[in-house]
Amino acid sequence: MTKILIVDDEKSIRTLFAEELGEEGYEVITTGEGKEAMGLIDSSRPSVVVLDIRMEDCNGLDLLQEIRNAHPELPIILNTAYDSYREDIKSIAADYYIVKSYDLSELKDRLADLVKGENRP
C-alpha cells in the first residue's frame, strides 16, 4: 500500500486528507508539527509527502529544503492556502504546488501521477 505523509498544522485538513486519501487506498500518516516530519520520513518511509508552508512550529519551505537534502528522490507536494509562495525560489524544489481546497481532485490527481512515476516535473 502506498504511504502518504501529510504535514499540516490544521487538524481539520489532516483529518479531511486522511479520510479522503484513505478511501482512495492510500495509507495516510499525519503530523501537525513540521519538526516531527523528518523523523516520520525516516521511520515510516512514505512514498509522497504533502507539505503545508505556513505552520506554527516551522516554515514549510525551509522544511522542504531539509527533506530534499536528506531524501532528494522523495516526491513532495506543497499544499498551501497561499498562492503567493508559488513565486518563492524555494518552492521550485517541490514536485507540485497546489493551493488548498476542500475539493481534493487536483491533489488526488497529482498523487496518482507521482505514485505512478508519471509526469513528474
PDB file of N, CA and C in Angstrom:
ATOM      1  N   MET A   1       0.845  -1.181   0.000  1.00  0.00           N
ATOM      2  CA  MET A   1       0.000   0.000   0.000  1.00  0.00           C
ATOM      3  C   MET A   1       0.891   1.245   0.000  1.00  0.00           C
ATOM      4  N   THR A   2       0.536   2.223  -0.801  1.00  0.00           N
ATOM      5  CA  THR A   2       1.292   3.465  -0.905  1.00  0.00           C
ATOM      6  C   THR A   2       1.056   4.325   0.324  1.00  0.00           C
ATOM      7  N   LYS A   3       2.152   4.797   0.912  1.00  0.00           N
ATOM      8  CA  LYS A   3       2.090   5.578   2.138  1.00  0.00           C
ATOM      9  C   LYS A   3       2.289   7.057   1.823  1.00  0.00           C
ATOM     10  N   ILE A   4       1.382   7.893   2.354  1.00  0.00           N
ATOM     11  CA  ILE A   4       1.434   9.338   2.163  1.00  0.00           C
ATOM     12  C   ILE A   4       1.610   9.995   3.531  1.00  0.00           C
ATOM     13  N   LEU A   5       2.559  10.926   3.637  1.00  0.00           N
ATOM     14  CA  LEU A   5       2.734  11.696   4.861  1.00  0.00           C
ATOM     15  C   LEU A   5       2.150  13.087   4.649  1.00  0.00           C
ATOM     16  N   ILE A   6       1.191  13.463   5.491  1.00  0.00           N
ATOM     17  CA  ILE A   6       0.585  14.790   5.462  1.00  0.00           C
ATOM     18  C   ILE A   6       1.196  15.604   6.596  1.00  0.00           C
ATOM     19  N   VAL A   7       1.805  16.744   6.266  1.00  0.00           N
ATOM     20  CA  VAL A   7       2.393  17.632   7.266  1.00  0.00           C
ATOM     21  C   VAL A   7       1.638  18.950   7.193  1.00  0.00           C
ATOM     22  N   ASP A   8       0.756  19.169   8.176  1.00  0.00           N
ATOM     23  CA  ASP A   8      -0.087  20.371   8.184  1.00  0.00           C
ATOM     24  C   ASP A   8      -0.493  20.662   9.613  1.00  0.00           C
ATOM     25  N   ASP A   9      -0.416  21.915  10.032  1.00  0.00           N
ATOM     26  CA  ASP A   9      -0.751  22.245  11.418  1.00  0.00           C
ATOM     27  C   ASP A   9      -2.249  22.372  11.663  1.00  0.00           C
ATOM     28  N   GLU A  10      -3.067  22.325  10.617  1.00  0.00           N
ATOM     29  CA  GLU A  10      -4.521  22.404  10.775  1.00  0.00           C
ATOM     30  C   GLU A  10      -5.104  20.993  10.906  1.00  0.00           C
ATOM     31  N   LYS A  11      -5.655  20.715  12.083  1.00  0.00           N
ATOM     32  CA  LYS A  11      -6.196  19.374  12.342  1.00  0.00           C
ATOM     33  C   LYS A  11      -7.302  19.008  11.359  1.00  0.00           C
ATOM     34  N   SER A  12      -8.163  19.979  11.005  1.00  0.00           N
ATOM     35  CA  SER A  12      -9.264  19.686  10.083  1.00  0.00           C
ATOM     36  C   SER A  12      -8.738  19.266   8.709  1.00  0.00           C
ATOM     37  N   ILE A  13      -7.657  19.856   8.273  1.00  0.00           N
ATOM     38  CA  ILE A  13      -7.047  19.484   6.985  1.00  0.00           C
ATOM     39  C   ILE A  13      -6.481  18.066   7.080  1.00  0.00           C
ATOM     40  N   ARG A  14      -5.760  17.777   8.158  1.00  0.00           N
ATOM     41  CA  ARG A  14      -5.192  16.434   8.325  1.00  0.00           C
ATOM     42  C   ARG A  14      -6.286  15.378   8.343  1.00  0.00           C
ATOM     43  N   THR A  15      -7.373  15.670   9.050  1.00  0.00           N
ATOM     44  CA  THR A  15      -8.482  14.723   9.139  1.00  0.00           C
ATOM     45  C   THR A  15      -9.136  14.517   7.778  1.00  0.00           C
ATOM     46  N   LEU A  16      -9.413  15.613   7.077  1.00  0.00           N
ATOM     47  CA  LEU A  16     -10.024  15.524   5.746  1.00  0.00           C
ATOM     48  C   LEU A  16      -9.141  14.720   4.791  1.00  0.00           C
ATOM     49  N   PHE A  17      -7.867  15.051   4.748  1.00  0.00           N
ATOM     50  CA  PHE A  17      -6.954  14.363   3.843  1.00  0.00           C
ATOM     51  C   PHE A  17      -6.845  12.882   4.195  1.00  0.00           C
ATOM     52  N   ALA A  18      -6.746  12.569   5.493  1.00  0.00           N
ATOM     53  CA  ALA A  18      -6.625  11.173   5.908  1.00  0.00           C
ATOM     54  C   ALA A  18      -7.851  10.368   5.485  1.00  0.00           C
ATOM     55  N   GLU A  19      -9.039  10.944   5.662  1.00  0.00           N
ATOM     56  CA  GLU A  19     -10.265  10.237   5.279  1.00  0.00           C
ATOM     57  C   GLU A  19     -10.365  10.069   3.769  1.00  0.00           C
ATOM     58  N   GLU A  20     -10.192  11.164   3.050  1.00  0.00           N
ATOM     59  CA  GLU A  20     -10.343  11.129   1.587  1.00  0.00           C
ATOM     60  C   GLU A  20      -9.279  10.252   0.924  1.00  0.00           C
ATOM     61  N   LEU A  21      -8.036  10.407   1.336  1.00  0.00           N
ATOM     62  CA  LEU A  21      -6.969   9.634   0.707  1.00  0.00           C
ATOM     63  C   LEU A  21      -7.005   8.175   1.161  1.00  0.00           C
ATOM     64  N   GLY A  22      -7.453   7.950   2.380  1.00  0.00           N
ATOM     65  CA  GLY A  22      -7.642   6.575   2.843  1.00  0.00           C
ATOM     66  C   GLY A  22      -8.665   5.846   1.991  1.00  0.00           C
ATOM     67  N   GLU A  23      -9.736   6.558   1.620  1.00  0.00           N
ATOM     68  CA  GLU A  23     -10.758   5.969   0.750  1.00  0.00           C
ATOM     69  C   GLU A  23     -10.222   5.674  -0.651  1.00  0.00           C
ATOM     70  N   GLU A  24      -9.165   6.373  -1.034  1.00  0.00           N
ATOM     71  CA  GLU A  24      -8.538   6.138  -2.337  1.00  0.00           C
ATOM     72  C   GLU A  24      -7.555   4.958  -2.293  1.00  0.00           C
ATOM     73  N   GLY A  25      -7.364   4.391  -1.099  1.00  0.00           N
ATOM     74  CA  GLY A  25      -6.486   3.236  -0.968  1.00  0.00           C
ATOM     75  C   GLY A  25      -5.087   3.548  -0.463  1.00  0.00           C
ATOM     76  N   TYR A  26      -4.831   4.793  -0.072  1.00  0.00           N
ATOM     77  CA  TYR A  26      -3.522   5.156   0.462  1.00  0.00           C
ATOM     78  C   TYR A  26      -3.476   4.896   1.970  1.00  0.00           C
ATOM     79  N   GLU A  27      -2.304   4.563   2.456  1.00  0.00           N
ATOM     80  CA  GLU A  27      -2.063   4.560   3.894  1.00  0.00           C
ATOM     81  C   GLU A  27      -1.601   5.970   4.230  1.00  0.00           C
ATOM     82  N   VAL A  28      -2.292   6.627   5.145  1.00  0.00           N
ATOM     83  CA  VAL A  28      -2.013   8.035   5.432  1.00  0.00           C
ATOM     84  C   VAL A  28      -1.470   8.194   6.845  1.00  0.00           C
ATOM     85  N   ILE A  29      -0.348   8.881   6.934  1.00  0.00           N
ATOM     86  CA  ILE A  29       0.262   9.243   8.204  1.00  0.00           C
ATOM     87  C   ILE A  29       0.188  10.764   8.276  1.00  0.00           C
ATOM     88  N   THR A  30      -0.143  11.305   9.441  1.00  0.00           N
ATOM     89  CA  THR A  30      -0.240  12.755   9.551  1.00  0.00           C
ATOM     90  C   THR A  30       0.554  13.268  10.740  1.00  0.00           C
ATOM     91  N   THR A  31       0.976  14.507  10.636  1.00  0.00           N
ATOM     92  CA  THR A  31       1.571  15.214  11.762  1.00  0.00           C
ATOM     93  C   THR A  31       1.211  16.688  11.658  1.00  0.00           C
ATOM     94  N   GLY A  32       1.023  17.306  12.799  1.00  0.00           N
ATOM     95  CA  GLY A  32       0.746  18.729  12.859  1.00  0.00           C
ATOM     96  C   GLY A  32       1.995  19.531  13.136  1.00  0.00           C
ATOM     97  N   GLU A  33       3.116  18.847  13.251  1.00  0.00           N
ATOM     98  CA  GLU A  33       4.366  19.516  13.575  1.00  0.00           C
ATOM     99  C   GLU A  33       5.409  19.261  12.500  1.00  0.00           C
ATOM    100  N   GLY A  34       5.863  20.330  11.903  1.00  0.00           N
ATOM    101  CA  GLY A  34       6.900  20.213  10.895  1.00  0.00           C
ATOM    102  C   GLY A  34       8.173  19.602  11.443  1.00  0.00           C
ATOM    103  N   LYS A  35       8.461  19.893  12.703  1.00  0.00           N
ATOM    104  CA  LYS A  35       9.681  19.373  13.320  1.00  0.00           C
ATOM    105  C   LYS A  35       9.652  17.861  13.461  1.00  0.00           C
ATOM    106  N   GLU A  36       8.472  17.279  13.512  1.00  0.00           N
ATOM    107  CA  GLU A  36       8.327  15.829  13.644  1.00  0.00           C
ATOM    108  C   GLU A  36       8.436  15.129  12.276  1.00  0.00           C
ATOM    109  N   ALA A  37       8.287  15.876  11.214  1.00  0.00           N
ATOM    110  CA  ALA A  37       8.201  15.291   9.875  1.00  0.00           C
ATOM    111  C   ALA A  37       9.443  14.492   9.481  1.00  0.00           C
ATOM    112  N   MET A  38      10.629  15.010   9.761  1.00  0.00           N
ATOM    113  CA  MET A  38      11.844  14.297   9.361  1.00  0.00           C
ATOM    114  C   MET A  38      11.928  12.926  10.030  1.00  0.00           C
ATOM    115  N   GLY A  39      11.584  12.851  11.296  1.00  0.00           N
ATOM    116  CA  GLY A  39      11.589  11.561  11.986  1.00  0.00           C
ATOM    117  C   GLY A  39      10.599  10.595  11.386  1.00  0.00           C
ATOM    118  N   LEU A  40       9.419  11.106  11.018  1.00  0.00           N
ATOM    119  CA  LEU A  40       8.415  10.248  10.394  1.00  0.00           C
ATOM    120  C   LEU A  40       8.854   9.779   9.013  1.00  0.00           C
ATOM    121  N   ILE A  41       9.535  10.644   8.291  1.00  0.00           N
ATOM    122  CA  ILE A  41      10.039  10.246   6.972  1.00  0.00           C
ATOM    123  C   ILE A  41      11.049   9.111   7.137  1.00  0.00           C
ATOM    124  N   ASP A  42      11.945   9.271   8.086  1.00  0.00           N
ATOM    125  CA  ASP A  42      12.968   8.243   8.312  1.00  0.00           C
ATOM    126  C   ASP A  42      12.377   6.932   8.815  1.00  0.00           C
ATOM    127  N   SER A  43      11.391   7.004   9.705  1.00  0.00           N
ATOM    128  CA  SER A  43      10.846   5.779  10.290  1.00  0.00           C
ATOM    129  C   SER A  43       9.745   5.135   9.451  1.00  0.00           C
ATOM    130  N   SER A  44       8.955   5.942   8.749  1.00  0.00           N
ATOM    131  CA  SER A  44       7.796   5.405   8.022  1.00  0.00           C
ATOM    132  C   SER A  44       8.036   5.209   6.534  1.00  0.00           C
ATOM    133  N   ARG A  45       9.032   5.875   5.997  1.00  0.00           N
ATOM    134  CA  ARG A  45       9.360   5.765   4.572  1.00  0.00           C
ATOM    135  C   ARG A  45       8.154   6.000   3.658  1.00  0.00           C
ATOM    136  N   PRO A  46       7.547   7.187   3.711  1.00  0.00           N
ATOM    137  CA  PRO A  46       6.402   7.448   2.839  1.00  0.00           C
ATOM    138  C   PRO A  46       6.820   7.509   1.369  1.00  0.00           C
ATOM    139  N   SER A  47       5.848   7.286   0.488  1.00  0.00           N
ATOM    140  CA  SER A  47       6.086   7.379  -0.951  1.00  0.00           C
ATOM    141  C   SER A  47       6.001   8.818  -1.431  1.00  0.00           C
ATOM    142  N   VAL A  48       5.204   9.635  -0.738  1.00  0.00           N
ATOM    143  CA  VAL A  48       4.998  11.046  -1.090  1.00  0.00           C
ATOM    144  C   VAL A  48       4.749  11.830   0.194  1.00  0.00           C
ATOM    145  N   VAL A  49       5.238  13.074   0.225  1.00  0.00           N
ATOM    146  CA  VAL A  49       4.963  13.990   1.334  1.00  0.00           C
ATOM    147  C   VAL A  49       4.095  15.127   0.805  1.00  0.00           C
ATOM    148  N   VAL A  50       3.015  15.433   1.523  1.00  0.00           N
ATOM    149  CA  VAL A  50       2.178  16.594   1.232  1.00  0.00           C
ATOM    150  C   VAL A  50       2.456  17.583   2.358  1.00  0.00           C
ATOM    151  N   LEU A  51       2.994  18.746   1.994  1.00  0.00           N
ATOM    152  CA  LEU A  51       3.572  19.665   2.966  1.00  0.00           C
ATOM    153  C   LEU A  51       2.924  21.039   2.906  1.00  0.00           C
ATOM    154  N   ASP A  52       2.472  21.518   4.054  1.00  0.00           N
ATOM    155  CA  ASP A  52       1.978  22.887   4.185  1.00  0.00           C
ATOM    156  C   ASP A  52       3.183  23.828   4.278  1.00  0.00           C
ATOM    157  N   ILE A  53       2.976  25.092   3.968  1.00  0.00           N
ATOM    158  CA  ILE A  53       4.074  26.053   4.052  1.00  0.00           C
ATOM    159  C   ILE A  53       4.063  26.808   5.372  1.00  0.00           C
ATOM    160  N   ARG A  54       2.934  27.397   5.709  1.00  0.00           N
ATOM    161  CA  ARG A  54       2.867  28.213   6.920  1.00  0.00           C
ATOM    162  C   ARG A  54       2.339  27.372   8.081  1.00  0.00           C
ATOM    163  N   MET A  55       3.275  26.985   8.948  1.00  0.00           N
ATOM    164  CA  MET A  55       2.918  26.204  10.125  1.00  0.00           C
ATOM    165  C   MET A  55       3.427  26.927  11.364  1.00  0.00           C
ATOM    166  N   GLU A  56       2.815  26.621  12.484  1.00  0.00           N
ATOM    167  CA  GLU A  56       3.172  27.312  13.725  1.00  0.00           C
ATOM    168  C   GLU A  56       4.602  27.045  14.164  1.00  0.00           C
ATOM    169  N   ASP A  57       5.074  25.824  14.001  1.00  0.00           N
ATOM    170  CA  ASP A  57       6.387  25.486  14.552  1.00  0.00           C
ATOM    171  C   ASP A  57       7.531  25.565  13.548  1.00  0.00           C
ATOM    172  N   CYS A  58       7.225  25.739  12.272  1.00  0.00           N
ATOM    173  CA  CYS A  58       8.313  25.831  11.293  1.00  0.00           C
ATOM    174  C   CYS A  58       7.813  26.406   9.970  1.00  0.00           C
ATOM    175  N   ASN A  59       8.757  26.789   9.153  1.00  0.00           N
ATOM    176  CA  ASN A  59       8.467  27.264   7.807  1.00  0.00           C
ATOM    177  C   ASN A  59       8.541  26.057   6.876  1.00  0.00           C
ATOM    178  N   GLY A  60       7.463  25.772   6.190  1.00  0.00           N
ATOM    179  CA  GLY A  60       7.422  24.612   5.302  1.00  0.00           C
ATOM    180  C   GLY A  60       8.430  24.667   4.166  1.00  0.00           C
ATOM    181  N   LEU A  61       8.773  25.864   3.712  1.00  0.00           N
ATOM    182  CA  LEU A  61       9.765  25.977   2.643  1.00  0.00           C
ATOM    183  C   LEU A  61      11.153  25.580   3.144  1.00  0.00           C
ATOM    184  N   ASP A  62      11.464  25.932   4.381  1.00  0.00           N
ATOM    185  CA  ASP A  62      12.730  25.500   4.962  1.00  0.00           C
ATOM    186  C   ASP A  62      12.736  23.984   5.172  1.00  0.00           C
ATOM    187  N   LEU A  63      11.597  23.453   5.608  1.00  0.00           N
ATOM    188  CA  LEU A  63      11.477  22.006   5.784  1.00  0.00           C
ATOM    189  C   LEU A  63      11.593  21.290   4.439  1.00  0.00           C
ATOM    190  N   LEU A  64      11.026  21.866   3.403  1.00  0.00           N
ATOM    191  CA  LEU A  64      11.147  21.311   2.054  1.00  0.00           C
ATOM    192  C   LEU A  64      12.621  21.149   1.680  1.00  0.00           C
ATOM    193  N   GLN A  65      13.416  22.169   1.946  1.00  0.00           N
ATOM    194  CA  GLN A  65      14.848  22.104   1.636  1.00  0.00           C
ATOM    195  C   GLN A  65      15.542  21.023   2.465  1.00  0.00           C
ATOM    196  N   GLU A  66      15.159  20.918   3.726  1.00  0.00           N
ATOM    197  CA  GLU A  66      15.743  19.901   4.597  1.00  0.00           C
ATOM    198  C   GLU A  66      15.410  18.495   4.092  1.00  0.00           C
ATOM    199  N   ILE A  67      14.162  18.297   3.697  1.00  0.00           N
ATOM    200  CA  ILE A  67      13.754  16.993   3.162  1.00  0.00           C
ATOM    201  C   ILE A  67      14.506  16.699   1.875  1.00  0.00           C
ATOM    202  N   ARG A  68      14.600  17.683   0.986  1.00  0.00           N
ATOM    203  CA  ARG A  68      15.312  17.495  -0.286  1.00  0.00           C
ATOM    204  C   ARG A  68      16.769  17.120  -0.067  1.00  0.00           C
ATOM    205  N   ASN A  69      17.404  17.765   0.909  1.00  0.00           N
ATOM    206  CA  ASN A  69      18.815  17.465   1.188  1.00  0.00           C
ATOM    207  C   ASN A  69      18.998  16.035   1.689  1.00  0.00           C
ATOM    208  N   ALA A  70      18.082  15.573   2.529  1.00  0.00           N
ATOM    209  CA  ALA A  70      18.205  14.237   3.114  1.00  0.00           C
ATOM    210  C   ALA A  70      17.632  13.136   2.213  1.00  0.00           C
ATOM    211  N   HIS A  71      16.590  13.482   1.437  1.00  0.00           N
ATOM    212  CA  HIS A  71      15.880  12.492   0.609  1.00  0.00           C
ATOM    213  C   HIS A  71      15.580  13.106  -0.761  1.00  0.00           C
ATOM    214  N   PRO A  72      16.596  13.271  -1.603  1.00  0.00           N
ATOM    215  CA  PRO A  72      16.401  14.003  -2.870  1.00  0.00           C
ATOM    216  C   PRO A  72      15.384  13.400  -3.831  1.00  0.00           C
ATOM    217  N   GLU A  73      15.124  12.110  -3.734  1.00  0.00           N
ATOM    218  CA  GLU A  73      14.193  11.464  -4.664  1.00  0.00           C
ATOM    219  C   GLU A  73      12.759  11.385  -4.140  1.00  0.00           C
ATOM    220  N   LEU A  74      12.527  11.783  -2.900  1.00  0.00           N
ATOM    221  CA  LEU A  74      11.197  11.686  -2.308  1.00  0.00           C
ATOM    222  C   LEU A  74      10.278  12.756  -2.906  1.00  0.00           C
ATOM    223  N   PRO A  75       9.194  12.355  -3.553  1.00  0.00           N
ATOM    224  CA  PRO A  75       8.261  13.331  -4.123  1.00  0.00           C
ATOM    225  C   PRO A  75       7.575  14.160  -3.030  1.00  0.00           C
ATOM    226  N   ILE A  76       7.474  15.473  -3.285  1.00  0.00           N
ATOM    227  CA  ILE A  76       6.871  16.391  -2.324  1.00  0.00           C
ATOM    228  C   ILE A  76       5.881  17.294  -3.045  1.00  0.00           C
ATOM    229  N   ILE A  77       4.697  17.404  -2.462  1.00  0.00           N
ATOM    230  CA  ILE A  77       3.674  18.328  -2.955  1.00  0.00           C
ATOM    231  C   ILE A  77       3.518  19.426  -1.913  1.00  0.00           C
ATOM    232  N   LEU A  78       3.742  20.674  -2.314  1.00  0.00           N
ATOM    233  CA  LEU A  78       3.421  21.793  -1.435  1.00  0.00           C
ATOM    234  C   LEU A  78       1.931  22.042  -1.542  1.00  0.00           C
ATOM    235  N   ASN A  79       1.262  22.106  -0.421  1.00  0.00           N
ATOM    236  CA  ASN A  79      -0.176  22.307  -0.388  1.00  0.00           C
ATOM    237  C   ASN A  79      -0.449  23.432   0.604  1.00  0.00           C
ATOM    238  N   THR A  80      -0.773  24.596   0.088  1.00  0.00           N
ATOM    239  CA  THR A  80      -0.883  25.784   0.925  1.00  0.00           C
ATOM    240  C   THR A  80      -2.096  26.618   0.551  1.00  0.00           C
ATOM    241  N   ALA A  81      -2.531  27.430   1.489  1.00  0.00           N
ATOM    242  CA  ALA A  81      -3.654  28.336   1.233  1.00  0.00           C
ATOM    243  C   ALA A  81      -3.189  29.593   0.503  1.00  0.00           C
ATOM    244  N   TYR A  82      -1.893  29.746   0.333  1.00  0.00           N
ATOM    245  CA  TYR A  82      -1.327  30.986  -0.208  1.00  0.00           C
ATOM    246  C   TYR A  82      -0.697  30.765  -1.580  1.00  0.00           C
ATOM    247  N   ASP A  83      -1.292  31.375  -2.582  1.00  0.00           N
ATOM    248  CA  ASP A  83      -0.750  31.287  -3.935  1.00  0.00           C
ATOM    249  C   ASP A  83       0.539  32.088  -4.076  1.00  0.00           C
ATOM    250  N   SER A  84       0.752  33.063  -3.199  1.00  0.00           N
ATOM    251  CA  SER A  84       1.893  33.972  -3.312  1.00  0.00           C
ATOM    252  C   SER A  84       3.244  33.276  -3.155  1.00  0.00           C
ATOM    253  N   TYR A  85       3.298  32.139  -2.493  1.00  0.00           N
ATOM    254  CA  TYR A  85       4.571  31.441  -2.324  1.00  0.00           C
ATOM    255  C   TYR A  85       5.002  30.700  -3.593  1.00  0.00           C
ATOM    256  N   ARG A  86       4.118  30.622  -4.552  1.00  0.00           N
ATOM    257  CA  ARG A  86       4.445  29.945  -5.813  1.00  0.00           C
ATOM    258  C   ARG A  86       5.679  30.561  -6.462  1.00  0.00           C
ATOM    259  N   GLU A  87       5.852  31.862  -6.273  1.00  0.00           N
ATOM    260  CA  GLU A  87       6.976  32.576  -6.882  1.00  0.00           C
ATOM    261  C   GLU A  87       8.253  32.512  -6.042  1.00  0.00           C
ATOM    262  N   ASP A  88       8.175  31.979  -4.841  1.00  0.00           N
ATOM    263  CA  ASP A  88       9.353  31.884  -3.976  1.00  0.00           C
ATOM    264  C   ASP A  88      10.326  30.872  -4.583  1.00  0.00           C
ATOM    265  N   ILE A  89      11.575  31.236  -4.642  1.00  0.00           N
ATOM    266  CA  ILE A  89      12.586  30.373  -5.265  1.00  0.00           C
ATOM    267  C   ILE A  89      12.674  29.008  -4.576  1.00  0.00           C
ATOM    268  N   LYS A  90      12.378  28.950  -3.281  1.00  0.00           N
ATOM    269  CA  LYS A  90      12.433  27.669  -2.561  1.00  0.00           C
ATOM    270  C   LYS A  90      11.326  26.723  -3.011  1.00  0.00           C
ATOM    271  N   SER A  91      10.233  27.267  -3.536  1.00  0.00           N
ATOM    272  CA  SER A  91       9.092  26.438  -3.941  1.00  0.00           C
ATOM    273  C   SER A  91       9.409  25.526  -5.119  1.00  0.00           C
ATOM    274  N   ILE A  92      10.393  25.906  -5.915  1.00  0.00           N
ATOM    275  CA  ILE A  92      10.681  25.094  -7.105  1.00  0.00           C
ATOM    276  C   ILE A  92      11.232  23.713  -6.759  1.00  0.00           C
ATOM    277  N   ALA A  93      11.654  23.520  -5.522  1.00  0.00           N
ATOM    278  CA  ALA A  93      12.158  22.204  -5.105  1.00  0.00           C
ATOM    279  C   ALA A  93      11.028  21.179  -4.959  1.00  0.00           C
ATOM    280  N   ALA A  94       9.783  21.643  -4.917  1.00  0.00           N
ATOM    281  CA  ALA A  94       8.643  20.728  -4.806  1.00  0.00           C
ATOM    282  C   ALA A  94       8.287  20.171  -6.178  1.00  0.00           C
ATOM    283  N   ASP A  95       7.704  18.991  -6.181  1.00  0.00           N
ATOM    284  CA  ASP A  95       7.253  18.403  -7.436  1.00  0.00           C
ATOM    285  C   ASP A  95       6.001  19.102  -7.954  1.00  0.00           C
ATOM    286  N   TYR A  96       5.120  19.468  -7.032  1.00  0.00           N
ATOM    287  CA  TYR A  96       3.895  20.194  -7.393  1.00  0.00           C
ATOM    288  C   TYR A  96       3.581  21.220  -6.321  1.00  0.00           C
ATOM    289  N   TYR A  97       2.880  22.264  -6.724  1.00  0.00           N
ATOM    290  CA  TYR A  97       2.416  23.323  -5.830  1.00  0.00           C
ATOM    291  C   TYR A  97       0.911  23.406  -6.015  1.00  0.00           C
ATOM    292  N   ILE A  98       0.168  23.157  -4.955  1.00  0.00           N
ATOM    293  CA  ILE A  98      -1.291  23.148  -5.031  1.00  0.00           C
ATOM    294  C   ILE A  98      -1.841  24.106  -3.985  1.00  0.00           C
ATOM    295  N   VAL A  99      -2.791  24.931  -4.392  1.00  0.00           N
ATOM    296  CA  VAL A  99      -3.476  25.805  -3.446  1.00  0.00           C
ATOM    297  C   VAL A  99      -4.578  24.984  -2.785  1.00  0.00           C
ATOM    298  N   LYS A 100      -4.637  25.047  -1.447  1.00  0.00           N
ATOM    299  CA  LYS A 100      -5.595  24.252  -0.681  1.00  0.00           C
ATOM    300  C   LYS A 100      -7.026  24.482  -1.116  1.00  0.00           C
ATOM    301  N   SER A 101      -7.755  23.384  -1.108  1.00  0.00           N
ATOM    302  CA  SER A 101      -9.171  23.411  -1.441  1.00  0.00           C
ATOM    303  C   SER A 101      -9.816  22.204  -0.763  1.00  0.00           C
ATOM    304  N   TYR A 102     -11.094  22.335  -0.445  1.00  0.00           N
ATOM    305  CA  TYR A 102     -11.802  21.174   0.103  1.00  0.00           C
ATOM    306  C   TYR A 102     -12.187  20.193  -1.003  1.00  0.00           C
ATOM    307  N   ASP A 103     -12.017  20.600  -2.251  1.00  0.00           N
ATOM    308  CA  ASP A 103     -12.140  19.685  -3.385  1.00  0.00           C
ATOM    309  C   ASP A 103     -10.736  19.123  -3.616  1.00  0.00           C
ATOM    310  N   LEU A 104     -10.544  17.876  -3.315  1.00  0.00           N
ATOM    311  CA  LEU A 104      -9.212  17.279  -3.376  1.00  0.00           C
ATOM    312  C   LEU A 104      -8.872  16.652  -4.725  1.00  0.00           C
ATOM    313  N   SER A 105      -9.623  16.991  -5.749  1.00  0.00           N
ATOM    314  CA  SER A 105      -9.399  16.392  -7.069  1.00  0.00           C
ATOM    315  C   SER A 105      -7.984  16.619  -7.578  1.00  0.00           C
ATOM    316  N   GLU A 106      -7.500  17.857  -7.507  1.00  0.00           N
ATOM    317  CA  GLU A 106      -6.157  18.141  -8.012  1.00  0.00           C
ATOM    318  C   GLU A 106      -5.104  17.404  -7.188  1.00  0.00           C
ATOM    319  N   LEU A 107      -5.253  17.405  -5.880  1.00  0.00           N
ATOM    320  CA  LEU A 107      -4.306  16.698  -5.026  1.00  0.00           C
ATOM    321  C   LEU A 107      -4.303  15.205  -5.347  1.00  0.00           C
ATOM    322  N   LYS A 108      -5.459  14.621  -5.489  1.00  0.00           N
ATOM    323  CA  LYS A 108      -5.549  13.192  -5.819  1.00  0.00           C
ATOM    324  C   LYS A 108      -4.911  12.894  -7.173  1.00  0.00           C
ATOM    325  N   ASP A 109      -5.128  13.765  -8.139  1.00  0.00           N
ATOM    326  CA  ASP A 109      -4.529  13.567  -9.468  1.00  0.00           C
ATOM    327  C   ASP A 109      -3.003  13.641  -9.400  1.00  0.00           C
ATOM    328  N   ARG A 110      -2.476  14.623  -8.677  1.00  0.00           N
ATOM    329  CA  ARG A 110      -1.015  14.770  -8.575  1.00  0.00           C
ATOM    330  C   ARG A 110      -0.409  13.603  -7.800  1.00  0.00           C
ATOM    331  N   LEU A 111      -1.085  13.151  -6.752  1.00  0.00           N
ATOM    332  CA  LEU A 111      -0.602  11.983  -6.022  1.00  0.00           C
ATOM    333  C   LEU A 111      -0.548  10.764  -6.927  1.00  0.00           C
ATOM    334  N   ALA A 112      -1.589  10.559  -7.695  1.00  0.00           N
ATOM    335  CA  ALA A 112      -1.615   9.420  -8.620  1.00  0.00           C
ATOM    336  C   ALA A 112      -0.471   9.507  -9.619  1.00  0.00           C
ATOM    337  N   ASP A 113      -0.207  10.704 -10.134  1.00  0.00           N
ATOM    338  CA  ASP A 113       0.907  10.897 -11.069  1.00  0.00           C
ATOM    339  C   ASP A 113       2.241  10.532 -10.422  1.00  0.00           C
ATOM    340  N   LEU A 114       2.450  11.006  -9.202  1.00  0.00           N
ATOM    341  CA  LEU A 114       3.721  10.759  -8.528  1.00  0.00           C
ATOM    342  C   LEU A 114       3.887   9.293  -8.151  1.00  0.00           C
ATOM    343  N   VAL A 115       2.821   8.674  -7.720  1.00  0.00           N
ATOM    344  CA  VAL A 115       2.898   7.263  -7.328  1.00  0.00           C
ATOM    345  C   VAL A 115       3.216   6.395  -8.553  1.00  0.00           C
ATOM    346  N   LYS A 116       2.646   6.743  -9.674  1.00  0.00           N
ATOM    347  CA  LYS A 116       2.915   6.005 -10.912  1.00  0.00           C
ATOM    348  C   LYS A 116       4.277   6.361 -11.485  1.00  0.00           C
ATOM    349  N   GLY A 117       4.836   7.486 -11.039  1.00  0.00           N
ATOM    350  CA  GLY A 117       6.114   7.944 -11.590  1.00  0.00           C
ATOM    351  C   GLY A 117       5.945   8.668 -12.906  1.00  0.00           C
ATOM    352  N   GLU A 118       4.701   9.004 -13.225  1.00  0.00           N
ATOM    353  CA  GLU A 118       4.429   9.688 -14.485  1.00  0.00           C
ATOM    354  C   GLU A 118       4.349  11.184 -14.269  1.00  0.00           C
ATOM    355  N   ASN A 119       4.667  11.910 -15.279  1.00  0.00           N
ATOM    356  CA  ASN A 119       4.517  13.365 -15.296  1.00  0.00           C
ATOM    357  C   ASN A 119       5.222  14.055 -14.140  1.00  0.00           C
ATOM    358  N   ARG A 120       6.246  13.450 -13.633  1.00  0.00           N
ATOM    359  CA  ARG A 120       6.975  14.094 -12.532  1.00  0.00           C
ATOM    360  C   ARG A 120       7.783  15.249 -13.103  1.00  0.00           C
ATOM    361  N   PRO A 121       7.525  16.453 -12.618  1.00  0.00           N
ATOM    362  CA  PRO A 121       8.240  17.629 -13.158  1.00  0.00           C
ATOM    363  C   PRO A 121       9.731  17.492 -12.983  1.00  0.00           C
TER     364      PRO A 121
END
